[in-house]
């Protein structure tokens, strides 16, 4: 199965929006591929509505959403129709029909808990270069926190600017909404961090724990 830091595997998939090639069709954009156990199930329905409610926020981050389960495409389409008619939410992102189970098996989405016939709640966050930046797994009985997934995309994009993201950002218990400046690894860098602190460019608890307000 693929790991963090590796290239997302080349896949040709059938979806509710037509055929897609992953990751090539999303080159230059972030995308989130997430699996769910089955269509027409309670927790999965709440998840899809929650993802769609944040669809525009993901789009602002240049990030697309892609669902997946071991269901036929017509089941996906009927489920989307049911969600729109009964909840008033129109699903705008594609859903992969992995009815053979080959894609989910290749991506490590089929776990013992799911009996091998369904997918657990897996999440792959992939960057514009097609590199897997984060992988999450949730058990079947626990719905995902979409705000955390949104936070992860924001945090990873900030990390690409050379910073690290503290726990519970942007509400960290020590530094609030600040981001962490890379710690000094040489004597010269220690000197530079202290000069930056004196100049008011950064704040430090010590030379190895410096932070700043994101510009």
N, C-alpha and C. Protein backbone atom coordinates (compact mmCIF):
# COMPACT_ATOMS: atom_id res chain seq x y z
N UNK A 1 0.84 -1.19 0.00
CA UNK A 1 0.00 0.00 0.00
C UNK A 1 0.88 1.25 0.00
N UNK A 2 0.42 2.32 -0.60
CA UNK A 2 1.22 3.55 -0.66
C UNK A 2 1.40 4.18 0.71
N UNK A 3 2.50 4.94 0.86
CA UNK A 3 2.84 5.57 2.13
C UNK A 3 3.00 7.07 1.96
N UNK A 4 3.00 7.79 3.08
CA UNK A 4 3.22 9.23 3.07
C UNK A 4 4.58 9.53 2.43
N UNK A 5 4.59 10.50 1.53
CA UNK A 5 5.82 10.88 0.85
C UNK A 5 6.04 10.18 -0.47
N UNK A 6 5.21 9.17 -0.75
CA UNK A 6 5.32 8.46 -2.02
C UNK A 6 4.37 9.05 -3.06
N UNK A 7 4.65 8.74 -4.31
CA UNK A 7 3.78 9.17 -5.40
C UNK A 7 2.47 8.38 -5.33
N UNK A 8 1.36 9.08 -5.52
CA UNK A 8 0.08 8.39 -5.55
C UNK A 8 0.07 7.47 -6.76
N UNK A 9 -0.37 6.22 -6.62
CA UNK A 9 -0.31 5.27 -7.73
C UNK A 9 -1.19 5.68 -8.92
N UNK A 10 -0.74 5.33 -10.11
CA UNK A 10 -1.50 5.62 -11.31
C UNK A 10 -2.75 4.74 -11.36
N UNK A 11 -3.90 5.37 -11.45
CA UNK A 11 -5.17 4.65 -11.47
C UNK A 11 -6.09 5.22 -12.53
N UNK A 12 -6.82 4.36 -13.20
CA UNK A 12 -7.92 4.77 -14.08
C UNK A 12 -9.21 4.32 -13.42
N UNK A 13 -10.09 5.27 -13.14
CA UNK A 13 -11.29 4.96 -12.36
C UNK A 13 -12.56 5.43 -13.06
N UNK A 14 -13.65 4.76 -12.74
CA UNK A 14 -14.97 5.16 -13.22
C UNK A 14 -15.70 5.86 -12.09
N UNK A 15 -16.24 7.04 -12.36
CA UNK A 15 -16.89 7.82 -11.31
C UNK A 15 -18.25 8.33 -11.78
N UNK A 16 -18.95 8.98 -10.87
CA UNK A 16 -20.24 9.61 -11.20
C UNK A 16 -20.07 10.80 -12.13
N UNK A 17 -18.85 11.26 -12.35
CA UNK A 17 -18.57 12.36 -13.27
C UNK A 17 -17.83 11.87 -14.51
N UNK A 18 -17.79 10.55 -14.72
CA UNK A 18 -17.08 9.99 -15.86
C UNK A 18 -15.75 9.38 -15.45
N UNK A 19 -14.96 9.00 -16.42
CA UNK A 19 -13.67 8.36 -16.15
C UNK A 19 -12.62 9.39 -15.76
N UNK A 20 -11.75 8.99 -14.83
CA UNK A 20 -10.67 9.86 -14.36
C UNK A 20 -9.37 9.07 -14.33
N UNK A 21 -8.27 9.79 -14.52
CA UNK A 21 -6.95 9.23 -14.33
C UNK A 21 -6.31 9.91 -13.13
N UNK A 22 -5.95 9.11 -12.14
CA UNK A 22 -5.34 9.64 -10.92
C UNK A 22 -3.86 9.25 -10.89
N UNK A 23 -3.01 10.19 -10.48
CA UNK A 23 -3.29 11.58 -10.07
C UNK A 23 -3.24 12.59 -11.21
N UNK A 24 -3.04 12.11 -12.45
CA UNK A 24 -2.76 13.00 -13.58
C UNK A 24 -3.82 14.07 -13.82
N UNK A 25 -5.10 13.69 -13.69
CA UNK A 25 -6.16 14.66 -13.97
C UNK A 25 -6.24 15.78 -12.94
N UNK A 26 -5.50 15.64 -11.85
CA UNK A 26 -5.49 16.68 -10.81
C UNK A 26 -4.12 17.33 -10.68
N UNK A 27 -3.30 17.20 -11.70
CA UNK A 27 -1.97 17.81 -11.66
C UNK A 27 -2.09 19.31 -11.45
N UNK A 28 -1.31 19.83 -10.51
CA UNK A 28 -1.35 21.25 -10.20
C UNK A 28 -2.37 21.62 -9.14
N UNK A 29 -3.13 20.64 -8.64
CA UNK A 29 -4.13 20.89 -7.60
C UNK A 29 -4.00 19.84 -6.51
N UNK A 30 -4.41 20.19 -5.32
CA UNK A 30 -4.53 19.22 -4.24
C UNK A 30 -5.79 18.40 -4.46
N UNK A 31 -5.79 17.17 -3.97
CA UNK A 31 -7.06 16.43 -3.94
C UNK A 31 -7.10 15.51 -2.73
N UNK A 32 -8.31 15.24 -2.29
CA UNK A 32 -8.56 14.33 -1.18
C UNK A 32 -9.37 13.16 -1.71
N UNK A 33 -8.82 11.97 -1.60
CA UNK A 33 -9.55 10.75 -1.93
C UNK A 33 -9.98 10.10 -0.62
N UNK A 34 -11.27 9.92 -0.45
CA UNK A 34 -11.76 9.33 0.80
C UNK A 34 -12.74 8.20 0.49
N UNK A 35 -12.61 7.13 1.24
CA UNK A 35 -13.49 5.98 1.05
C UNK A 35 -14.54 5.92 2.14
N UNK A 36 -15.66 5.30 1.81
CA UNK A 36 -16.71 5.08 2.80
C UNK A 36 -17.20 3.63 2.65
N UNK A 37 -17.72 3.04 3.73
CA UNK A 37 -18.13 1.63 3.67
C UNK A 37 -19.18 1.30 2.62
N UNK A 38 -20.23 2.12 2.52
CA UNK A 38 -21.29 1.78 1.56
C UNK A 38 -22.25 2.94 1.38
N UNK A 39 -22.87 2.99 0.21
CA UNK A 39 -23.94 3.96 -0.05
C UNK A 39 -25.17 3.59 0.79
N UNK A 40 -26.05 4.56 0.97
CA UNK A 40 -27.30 4.35 1.69
C UNK A 40 -27.07 3.82 3.11
N UNK A 41 -26.03 4.36 3.77
CA UNK A 41 -25.79 4.01 5.18
C UNK A 41 -25.77 5.31 5.97
N UNK A 42 -26.19 5.26 7.25
CA UNK A 42 -26.38 6.49 8.02
C UNK A 42 -25.14 7.37 8.19
N UNK A 43 -24.04 6.79 8.71
CA UNK A 43 -22.85 7.59 8.97
C UNK A 43 -22.28 8.15 7.67
N UNK A 44 -22.23 7.34 6.63
CA UNK A 44 -21.69 7.78 5.34
C UNK A 44 -22.50 8.94 4.77
N UNK A 45 -23.80 8.89 4.95
CA UNK A 45 -24.65 9.98 4.46
C UNK A 45 -24.31 11.28 5.18
N UNK A 46 -24.13 11.20 6.49
CA UNK A 46 -23.77 12.43 7.23
C UNK A 46 -22.41 12.95 6.78
N UNK A 47 -21.49 12.04 6.45
CA UNK A 47 -20.16 12.46 6.01
C UNK A 47 -20.21 13.17 4.66
N UNK A 48 -20.97 12.62 3.74
CA UNK A 48 -21.04 13.22 2.40
C UNK A 48 -21.67 14.60 2.46
N UNK A 49 -22.69 14.75 3.27
CA UNK A 49 -23.30 16.07 3.44
C UNK A 49 -22.29 17.03 4.06
N UNK A 50 -21.53 16.56 5.05
CA UNK A 50 -20.54 17.40 5.72
C UNK A 50 -19.42 17.82 4.76
N UNK A 51 -18.95 16.89 3.93
CA UNK A 51 -17.94 17.24 2.93
C UNK A 51 -18.49 18.28 1.95
N UNK A 52 -19.71 18.05 1.48
CA UNK A 52 -20.29 18.97 0.51
C UNK A 52 -20.50 20.36 1.11
N UNK A 53 -20.89 20.43 2.38
CA UNK A 53 -21.09 21.72 3.04
C UNK A 53 -19.79 22.54 3.08
N UNK A 54 -18.65 21.84 3.01
CA UNK A 54 -17.35 22.52 3.03
C UNK A 54 -16.67 22.53 1.65
N UNK A 55 -17.43 22.15 0.65
CA UNK A 55 -16.88 22.03 -0.70
C UNK A 55 -16.23 23.32 -1.18
N UNK A 56 -16.90 24.44 -0.98
CA UNK A 56 -16.36 25.73 -1.43
C UNK A 56 -15.09 26.09 -0.68
N UNK A 57 -15.01 25.74 0.60
CA UNK A 57 -13.80 26.01 1.37
C UNK A 57 -12.62 25.22 0.83
N UNK A 58 -12.87 23.96 0.47
CA UNK A 58 -11.81 23.16 -0.14
C UNK A 58 -11.40 23.75 -1.49
N UNK A 59 -12.38 24.19 -2.26
CA UNK A 59 -12.09 24.76 -3.57
C UNK A 59 -11.22 26.01 -3.46
N UNK A 60 -11.45 26.82 -2.43
CA UNK A 60 -10.63 28.01 -2.23
C UNK A 60 -9.16 27.66 -1.97
N UNK A 61 -8.94 26.46 -1.48
CA UNK A 61 -7.59 25.97 -1.22
C UNK A 61 -7.03 25.22 -2.43
N UNK A 62 -7.73 25.31 -3.57
CA UNK A 62 -7.33 24.57 -4.77
C UNK A 62 -7.27 23.08 -4.50
N UNK A 63 -8.27 22.60 -3.77
CA UNK A 63 -8.32 21.20 -3.36
C UNK A 63 -9.64 20.57 -3.77
N UNK A 64 -9.56 19.45 -4.47
CA UNK A 64 -10.75 18.74 -4.93
C UNK A 64 -11.04 17.53 -4.05
N UNK A 65 -12.28 17.09 -4.05
CA UNK A 65 -12.74 15.95 -3.28
C UNK A 65 -13.12 14.80 -4.21
N UNK A 66 -12.80 13.58 -3.80
CA UNK A 66 -13.17 12.38 -4.56
C UNK A 66 -13.59 11.31 -3.57
N UNK A 67 -14.80 10.80 -3.70
CA UNK A 67 -15.27 9.73 -2.84
C UNK A 67 -15.02 8.37 -3.47
N UNK A 68 -15.18 7.31 -2.69
CA UNK A 68 -15.00 5.94 -3.20
C UNK A 68 -15.68 4.95 -2.28
N UNK A 69 -16.32 3.96 -2.88
CA UNK A 69 -16.78 2.79 -2.12
C UNK A 69 -16.93 1.63 -3.08
N UNK A 70 -17.11 0.43 -2.50
CA UNK A 70 -17.28 -0.77 -3.33
C UNK A 70 -18.76 -0.89 -3.68
N UNK A 71 -19.21 0.01 -4.53
CA UNK A 71 -20.59 0.04 -5.01
C UNK A 71 -20.58 0.30 -6.51
N UNK A 72 -21.65 -0.07 -7.17
CA UNK A 72 -21.81 0.23 -8.59
C UNK A 72 -22.06 1.72 -8.76
N UNK A 73 -21.75 2.25 -9.93
CA UNK A 73 -21.94 3.69 -10.16
C UNK A 73 -23.41 4.07 -10.08
N UNK A 74 -24.31 3.17 -10.48
CA UNK A 74 -25.73 3.53 -10.41
C UNK A 74 -26.20 3.67 -8.97
N UNK A 75 -25.57 2.93 -8.05
CA UNK A 75 -25.91 3.08 -6.63
C UNK A 75 -25.46 4.44 -6.12
N UNK A 76 -24.27 4.87 -6.55
CA UNK A 76 -23.79 6.21 -6.19
C UNK A 76 -24.77 7.27 -6.68
N UNK A 77 -25.17 7.13 -7.93
CA UNK A 77 -26.06 8.13 -8.54
C UNK A 77 -27.41 8.19 -7.83
N UNK A 78 -27.95 7.03 -7.50
CA UNK A 78 -29.24 6.99 -6.80
C UNK A 78 -29.11 7.57 -5.42
N UNK A 79 -28.00 7.30 -4.73
CA UNK A 79 -27.75 7.84 -3.38
C UNK A 79 -27.62 9.36 -3.44
N UNK A 80 -26.88 9.87 -4.42
CA UNK A 80 -26.77 11.32 -4.60
C UNK A 80 -28.16 11.93 -4.79
N UNK A 81 -28.98 11.27 -5.59
CA UNK A 81 -30.35 11.74 -5.84
C UNK A 81 -31.15 11.78 -4.55
N UNK A 82 -31.02 10.72 -3.74
CA UNK A 82 -31.74 10.65 -2.46
C UNK A 82 -31.30 11.78 -1.54
N UNK A 83 -29.99 12.02 -1.46
CA UNK A 83 -29.48 13.09 -0.59
C UNK A 83 -30.04 14.45 -1.01
N UNK A 84 -30.08 14.69 -2.31
CA UNK A 84 -30.60 15.96 -2.81
C UNK A 84 -32.09 16.12 -2.51
N UNK A 85 -32.85 15.05 -2.72
CA UNK A 85 -34.29 15.12 -2.54
C UNK A 85 -34.70 15.18 -1.07
N UNK A 86 -33.95 14.50 -0.21
CA UNK A 86 -34.37 14.38 1.19
C UNK A 86 -33.64 15.31 2.15
N UNK A 87 -32.43 15.74 1.79
CA UNK A 87 -31.65 16.62 2.66
C UNK A 87 -31.42 17.99 2.03
N UNK A 88 -31.64 18.07 0.73
CA UNK A 88 -31.49 19.35 0.05
C UNK A 88 -30.05 19.72 -0.25
N UNK A 89 -29.17 18.73 -0.32
CA UNK A 89 -27.76 18.97 -0.62
C UNK A 89 -27.38 18.23 -1.90
N UNK A 90 -26.80 18.95 -2.83
CA UNK A 90 -26.36 18.34 -4.09
C UNK A 90 -24.87 18.05 -4.04
N UNK A 91 -24.50 16.79 -4.18
CA UNK A 91 -23.10 16.38 -4.15
C UNK A 91 -22.43 16.80 -5.45
N UNK A 92 -21.39 17.62 -5.35
CA UNK A 92 -20.74 18.17 -6.54
C UNK A 92 -19.44 17.47 -6.92
N UNK A 93 -18.94 16.62 -6.06
CA UNK A 93 -17.67 15.96 -6.35
C UNK A 93 -17.90 14.53 -6.85
N UNK A 94 -16.96 13.96 -7.58
CA UNK A 94 -17.13 12.61 -8.12
C UNK A 94 -17.00 11.52 -7.06
N UNK A 95 -17.65 10.41 -7.30
CA UNK A 95 -17.56 9.23 -6.43
C UNK A 95 -17.10 8.06 -7.29
N UNK A 96 -16.00 7.44 -6.90
CA UNK A 96 -15.46 6.30 -7.65
C UNK A 96 -16.29 5.05 -7.37
N UNK A 97 -16.63 4.33 -8.45
CA UNK A 97 -17.33 3.05 -8.34
C UNK A 97 -16.29 1.93 -8.38
N UNK A 98 -15.92 1.43 -7.22
CA UNK A 98 -14.91 0.38 -7.13
C UNK A 98 -15.60 -0.96 -6.87
N UNK A 99 -16.53 -1.33 -7.74
CA UNK A 99 -17.35 -2.51 -7.49
C UNK A 99 -16.55 -3.82 -7.52
N UNK A 100 -15.38 -3.82 -8.15
CA UNK A 100 -14.53 -5.01 -8.14
C UNK A 100 -13.68 -5.08 -6.87
N UNK A 101 -13.51 -3.95 -6.20
CA UNK A 101 -12.69 -3.89 -5.00
C UNK A 101 -11.20 -3.81 -5.25
N UNK A 102 -10.80 -3.74 -6.51
CA UNK A 102 -9.37 -3.74 -6.85
C UNK A 102 -8.67 -2.45 -6.40
N UNK A 103 -9.34 -1.31 -6.60
CA UNK A 103 -8.72 -0.02 -6.26
C UNK A 103 -8.54 0.10 -4.75
N UNK A 104 -9.59 -0.20 -4.00
CA UNK A 104 -9.51 -0.08 -2.55
C UNK A 104 -8.50 -1.06 -1.96
N UNK A 105 -8.37 -2.24 -2.56
CA UNK A 105 -7.38 -3.20 -2.08
C UNK A 105 -5.97 -2.67 -2.34
N UNK A 106 -5.77 -2.08 -3.50
CA UNK A 106 -4.45 -1.54 -3.84
C UNK A 106 -4.06 -0.39 -2.92
N UNK A 107 -5.05 0.38 -2.46
CA UNK A 107 -4.78 1.53 -1.60
C UNK A 107 -4.85 1.20 -0.12
N UNK A 108 -5.07 -0.06 0.22
CA UNK A 108 -5.10 -0.46 1.63
C UNK A 108 -6.32 0.01 2.37
N UNK A 109 -7.46 0.12 1.68
CA UNK A 109 -8.67 0.62 2.31
C UNK A 109 -9.56 -0.48 2.87
N UNK A 110 -9.25 -1.72 2.56
CA UNK A 110 -10.08 -2.84 3.01
C UNK A 110 -9.40 -3.52 4.20
N UNK A 111 -9.95 -3.30 5.37
CA UNK A 111 -9.37 -3.82 6.60
C UNK A 111 -10.22 -4.96 7.16
N UNK A 112 -9.66 -5.67 8.11
CA UNK A 112 -10.35 -6.81 8.72
C UNK A 112 -11.68 -6.39 9.32
N UNK A 113 -11.72 -5.19 9.90
CA UNK A 113 -12.96 -4.72 10.54
C UNK A 113 -14.10 -4.64 9.53
N UNK A 114 -13.76 -4.33 8.27
CA UNK A 114 -14.78 -4.21 7.24
C UNK A 114 -15.12 -5.55 6.60
N UNK A 115 -14.50 -6.61 7.08
CA UNK A 115 -14.81 -7.94 6.56
C UNK A 115 -14.26 -8.21 5.17
N UNK A 116 -13.46 -7.28 4.66
CA UNK A 116 -12.88 -7.46 3.33
C UNK A 116 -13.82 -7.15 2.19
N UNK A 117 -15.10 -6.88 2.50
CA UNK A 117 -16.08 -6.62 1.45
C UNK A 117 -16.45 -5.15 1.35
N UNK A 118 -15.99 -4.35 2.30
CA UNK A 118 -16.25 -2.92 2.29
C UNK A 118 -14.95 -2.18 2.60
N UNK A 119 -15.00 -0.86 2.48
CA UNK A 119 -13.82 -0.05 2.80
C UNK A 119 -14.03 0.65 4.15
N UNK A 120 -12.95 0.76 4.92
CA UNK A 120 -13.02 1.58 6.11
C UNK A 120 -12.99 3.05 5.67
N UNK A 121 -13.04 3.96 6.63
CA UNK A 121 -13.08 5.38 6.29
C UNK A 121 -11.64 5.91 6.14
N UNK A 122 -11.06 5.66 4.97
CA UNK A 122 -9.69 6.09 4.69
C UNK A 122 -9.70 7.47 4.03
N UNK A 123 -8.62 8.22 4.26
CA UNK A 123 -8.45 9.54 3.66
C UNK A 123 -7.02 9.68 3.16
N UNK A 124 -6.87 10.02 1.89
CA UNK A 124 -5.56 10.33 1.32
C UNK A 124 -5.55 11.80 0.91
N UNK A 125 -4.60 12.56 1.42
CA UNK A 125 -4.43 13.95 1.00
C UNK A 125 -3.22 14.00 0.08
N UNK A 126 -3.44 14.46 -1.15
CA UNK A 126 -2.41 14.42 -2.19
C UNK A 126 -2.14 15.84 -2.69
N UNK A 127 -0.86 16.17 -2.83
CA UNK A 127 -0.49 17.54 -3.23
C UNK A 127 -0.45 17.72 -4.74
N UNK A 128 -0.22 18.94 -5.22
CA UNK A 128 -0.25 19.21 -6.67
C UNK A 128 0.77 18.45 -7.49
N UNK A 129 1.79 17.89 -6.86
CA UNK A 129 2.79 17.08 -7.56
C UNK A 129 2.44 15.59 -7.52
N UNK A 130 1.27 15.27 -6.97
CA UNK A 130 0.84 13.88 -6.90
C UNK A 130 1.47 13.10 -5.77
N UNK A 131 2.03 13.79 -4.76
CA UNK A 131 2.66 13.15 -3.62
C UNK A 131 1.67 13.02 -2.47
N UNK A 132 1.61 11.86 -1.87
CA UNK A 132 0.74 11.64 -0.71
C UNK A 132 1.32 12.35 0.50
N UNK A 133 0.57 13.28 1.05
CA UNK A 133 1.06 14.09 2.16
C UNK A 133 0.50 13.64 3.51
N UNK A 134 -0.64 12.96 3.50
CA UNK A 134 -1.23 12.51 4.76
C UNK A 134 -2.18 11.36 4.47
N UNK A 135 -2.28 10.43 5.42
CA UNK A 135 -3.21 9.30 5.33
C UNK A 135 -3.90 9.16 6.68
N UNK A 136 -5.22 9.05 6.65
CA UNK A 136 -6.00 8.86 7.87
C UNK A 136 -6.87 7.62 7.74
N UNK A 137 -7.07 6.90 8.83
CA UNK A 137 -8.00 5.78 8.85
C UNK A 137 -8.94 5.94 10.04
N UNK A 138 -10.23 5.81 9.78
CA UNK A 138 -11.25 5.85 10.82
C UNK A 138 -12.00 4.51 10.80
N UNK A 139 -12.44 4.01 11.95
CA UNK A 139 -13.24 2.79 11.96
C UNK A 139 -14.62 3.06 11.36
N UNK A 140 -15.31 2.00 11.02
CA UNK A 140 -16.60 2.12 10.34
C UNK A 140 -17.64 2.84 11.18
N UNK A 141 -17.56 2.70 12.51
CA UNK A 141 -18.60 3.26 13.37
C UNK A 141 -18.37 4.72 13.74
N UNK A 142 -17.22 5.29 13.32
CA UNK A 142 -16.90 6.66 13.70
C UNK A 142 -16.81 7.57 12.47
N UNK A 143 -17.70 8.54 12.41
CA UNK A 143 -17.67 9.49 11.30
C UNK A 143 -16.49 10.44 11.43
N UNK A 144 -15.99 10.90 10.29
CA UNK A 144 -14.82 11.77 10.27
C UNK A 144 -15.14 13.20 10.66
N UNK A 145 -14.11 13.92 11.11
CA UNK A 145 -14.22 15.34 11.41
C UNK A 145 -13.72 16.11 10.19
N UNK A 146 -14.64 16.66 9.41
CA UNK A 146 -14.26 17.32 8.16
C UNK A 146 -13.46 18.60 8.41
N UNK A 147 -13.73 19.26 9.53
CA UNK A 147 -12.98 20.47 9.85
C UNK A 147 -11.51 20.15 10.08
N UNK A 148 -11.22 18.98 10.65
CA UNK A 148 -9.84 18.57 10.84
C UNK A 148 -9.15 18.30 9.50
N UNK A 149 -9.89 17.68 8.58
CA UNK A 149 -9.32 17.41 7.25
C UNK A 149 -9.06 18.72 6.52
N UNK A 150 -9.97 19.67 6.65
CA UNK A 150 -9.78 21.00 6.07
C UNK A 150 -8.57 21.69 6.70
N UNK A 151 -8.44 21.58 8.02
CA UNK A 151 -7.31 22.15 8.75
C UNK A 151 -5.99 21.54 8.27
N UNK A 152 -6.01 20.24 8.00
CA UNK A 152 -4.80 19.57 7.54
C UNK A 152 -4.33 20.11 6.19
N UNK A 153 -5.26 20.33 5.28
CA UNK A 153 -4.89 20.88 3.98
C UNK A 153 -4.29 22.27 4.15
N UNK A 154 -4.94 23.10 4.96
CA UNK A 154 -4.41 24.45 5.22
C UNK A 154 -3.01 24.35 5.83
N UNK A 155 -2.86 23.47 6.82
CA UNK A 155 -1.57 23.33 7.50
C UNK A 155 -0.48 22.83 6.58
N UNK A 156 -0.79 21.87 5.72
CA UNK A 156 0.21 21.34 4.79
C UNK A 156 0.64 22.40 3.78
N UNK A 157 -0.30 23.22 3.35
CA UNK A 157 0.05 24.29 2.42
C UNK A 157 0.95 25.33 3.08
N UNK A 158 0.71 25.60 4.35
CA UNK A 158 1.58 26.51 5.10
C UNK A 158 2.95 25.88 5.31
N UNK A 159 2.97 24.58 5.60
CA UNK A 159 4.23 23.87 5.79
C UNK A 159 5.11 23.95 4.55
N UNK A 160 4.49 24.00 3.38
CA UNK A 160 5.24 24.12 2.14
C UNK A 160 5.95 25.46 2.01
N UNK A 161 5.58 26.40 2.87
CA UNK A 161 6.24 27.71 2.90
C UNK A 161 7.41 27.73 3.88
N UNK A 162 7.69 26.58 4.50
CA UNK A 162 8.86 26.48 5.36
C UNK A 162 8.57 26.53 6.85
N UNK A 163 7.31 26.40 7.24
CA UNK A 163 6.96 26.45 8.66
C UNK A 163 6.47 25.08 9.14
N UNK A 164 6.35 24.94 10.44
CA UNK A 164 5.72 23.77 11.04
C UNK A 164 4.47 24.22 11.77
N UNK A 165 3.53 23.30 11.93
CA UNK A 165 2.22 23.65 12.49
C UNK A 165 2.08 23.04 13.88
N UNK A 166 1.80 23.86 14.90
CA UNK A 166 1.69 23.33 16.27
C UNK A 166 0.39 22.56 16.49
N UNK A 167 0.32 21.85 17.60
CA UNK A 167 -0.90 21.12 17.97
C UNK A 167 -2.09 22.06 18.08
N UNK A 168 -3.22 21.57 17.62
CA UNK A 168 -4.49 22.30 17.73
C UNK A 168 -4.49 23.65 17.00
N UNK A 169 -3.51 23.86 16.13
CA UNK A 169 -3.49 25.09 15.35
C UNK A 169 -4.82 25.26 14.61
N UNK A 170 -5.37 26.48 14.58
CA UNK A 170 -4.80 27.77 14.98
C UNK A 170 -5.13 28.19 16.42
N UNK A 171 -5.42 27.22 17.28
CA UNK A 171 -5.74 27.53 18.67
C UNK A 171 -4.80 26.77 19.60
N UNK A 172 -3.51 26.90 19.35
CA UNK A 172 -2.54 26.19 20.18
C UNK A 172 -2.47 26.76 21.59
N UNK A 173 -2.26 25.90 22.56
CA UNK A 173 -2.26 26.30 23.96
C UNK A 173 -1.05 27.14 24.36
N UNK A 174 0.02 27.12 23.56
CA UNK A 174 1.22 27.87 23.90
C UNK A 174 1.39 29.11 23.03
N UNK A 175 1.21 28.95 21.71
CA UNK A 175 1.52 30.05 20.80
C UNK A 175 0.32 30.53 19.98
N UNK A 176 -0.87 30.09 20.37
CA UNK A 176 -2.08 30.58 19.70
C UNK A 176 -2.12 30.23 18.22
N UNK A 177 -2.32 31.26 17.37
CA UNK A 177 -2.44 31.01 15.93
C UNK A 177 -1.10 31.19 15.20
N UNK A 178 -0.01 31.31 15.94
CA UNK A 178 1.30 31.42 15.31
C UNK A 178 1.74 30.10 14.70
N UNK A 179 2.70 30.17 13.77
CA UNK A 179 3.31 28.98 13.21
C UNK A 179 4.75 28.88 13.72
N UNK A 180 5.31 27.70 13.66
CA UNK A 180 6.64 27.46 14.21
C UNK A 180 7.72 27.68 13.15
N UNK A 181 8.72 28.46 13.52
CA UNK A 181 9.87 28.68 12.65
C UNK A 181 10.81 27.48 12.81
N UNK A 182 11.37 26.97 11.73
CA UNK A 182 12.26 25.80 11.85
C UNK A 182 13.34 26.04 12.89
N UNK A 183 13.58 25.08 13.79
CA UNK A 183 14.57 25.26 14.85
C UNK A 183 15.99 25.37 14.30
N UNK A 184 16.80 26.10 14.99
CA UNK A 184 18.20 26.27 14.57
C UNK A 184 18.94 24.94 14.68
N UNK A 185 19.80 24.69 13.70
CA UNK A 185 20.56 23.44 13.70
C UNK A 185 22.07 23.68 13.65
N UNK A 186 22.47 24.95 13.68
CA UNK A 186 23.89 25.30 13.73
C UNK A 186 24.08 26.49 14.67
N UNK A 187 25.33 26.73 15.06
CA UNK A 187 25.63 27.88 15.92
C UNK A 187 25.24 29.18 15.24
N UNK A 188 25.51 29.29 13.95
CA UNK A 188 25.17 30.50 13.21
C UNK A 188 23.66 30.72 13.17
N UNK A 189 22.92 29.63 13.04
CA UNK A 189 21.47 29.76 13.02
C UNK A 189 20.92 30.19 14.37
N UNK A 190 21.54 29.71 15.44
CA UNK A 190 21.13 30.15 16.78
C UNK A 190 21.30 31.67 16.89
N UNK A 191 22.45 32.15 16.42
CA UNK A 191 22.72 33.59 16.44
C UNK A 191 21.68 34.34 15.61
N UNK A 192 21.35 33.78 14.45
CA UNK A 192 20.36 34.44 13.57
C UNK A 192 19.00 34.49 14.24
N UNK A 193 18.58 33.40 14.90
CA UNK A 193 17.28 33.38 15.57
C UNK A 193 17.22 34.46 16.66
N UNK A 194 18.32 34.62 17.39
CA UNK A 194 18.33 35.63 18.44
C UNK A 194 18.29 37.04 17.87
N UNK A 195 18.93 37.23 16.74
CA UNK A 195 18.88 38.53 16.06
C UNK A 195 17.47 38.81 15.55
N UNK A 196 16.81 37.79 15.01
CA UNK A 196 15.44 37.94 14.53
C UNK A 196 14.49 38.26 15.67
N UNK A 197 14.73 37.63 16.82
CA UNK A 197 13.89 37.90 17.98
C UNK A 197 14.06 39.34 18.46
N UNK A 198 15.31 39.82 18.51
CA UNK A 198 15.56 41.20 18.93
C UNK A 198 14.92 42.20 17.98
N UNK A 199 14.89 41.84 16.70
CA UNK A 199 14.32 42.72 15.68
C UNK A 199 12.79 42.65 15.65
N UNK A 200 12.23 41.77 16.44
CA UNK A 200 10.78 41.65 16.49
C UNK A 200 10.19 40.85 15.33
N UNK A 201 11.04 40.15 14.59
CA UNK A 201 10.57 39.36 13.45
C UNK A 201 9.92 38.05 13.89
N UNK A 202 10.41 37.52 15.01
CA UNK A 202 9.88 36.28 15.55
C UNK A 202 9.82 36.39 17.07
N UNK A 203 9.14 35.44 17.70
CA UNK A 203 9.12 35.32 19.15
C UNK A 203 9.69 33.96 19.52
N UNK A 204 10.40 33.88 20.64
CA UNK A 204 11.04 32.62 21.03
C UNK A 204 10.85 32.32 22.51
N UNK A 205 10.58 31.06 22.81
CA UNK A 205 10.66 30.59 24.18
C UNK A 205 12.10 30.20 24.46
N UNK A 206 12.79 29.80 23.42
CA UNK A 206 14.22 29.50 23.43
C UNK A 206 14.62 29.44 21.96
N UNK A 207 15.93 29.30 21.68
CA UNK A 207 16.35 29.34 20.28
C UNK A 207 15.80 28.17 19.46
N UNK A 208 15.40 27.09 20.13
CA UNK A 208 14.87 25.91 19.42
C UNK A 208 13.35 25.92 19.32
N UNK A 209 12.71 26.91 19.93
CA UNK A 209 11.25 26.99 19.83
C UNK A 209 10.85 28.43 19.57
N UNK A 210 10.90 28.79 18.29
CA UNK A 210 10.55 30.14 17.86
C UNK A 210 9.30 30.09 17.00
N UNK A 211 8.55 31.15 17.04
CA UNK A 211 7.28 31.18 16.31
C UNK A 211 6.98 32.59 15.83
N UNK A 212 6.02 32.68 14.91
CA UNK A 212 5.65 33.99 14.38
C UNK A 212 4.22 33.98 13.87
N UNK A 213 3.68 35.18 13.74
CA UNK A 213 2.37 35.36 13.14
C UNK A 213 2.50 35.14 11.64
N UNK A 214 1.62 34.34 11.09
CA UNK A 214 1.68 34.07 9.67
C UNK A 214 1.31 35.30 8.87
N UNK A 215 2.13 35.63 7.89
CA UNK A 215 1.89 36.82 7.07
C UNK A 215 0.90 36.51 5.95
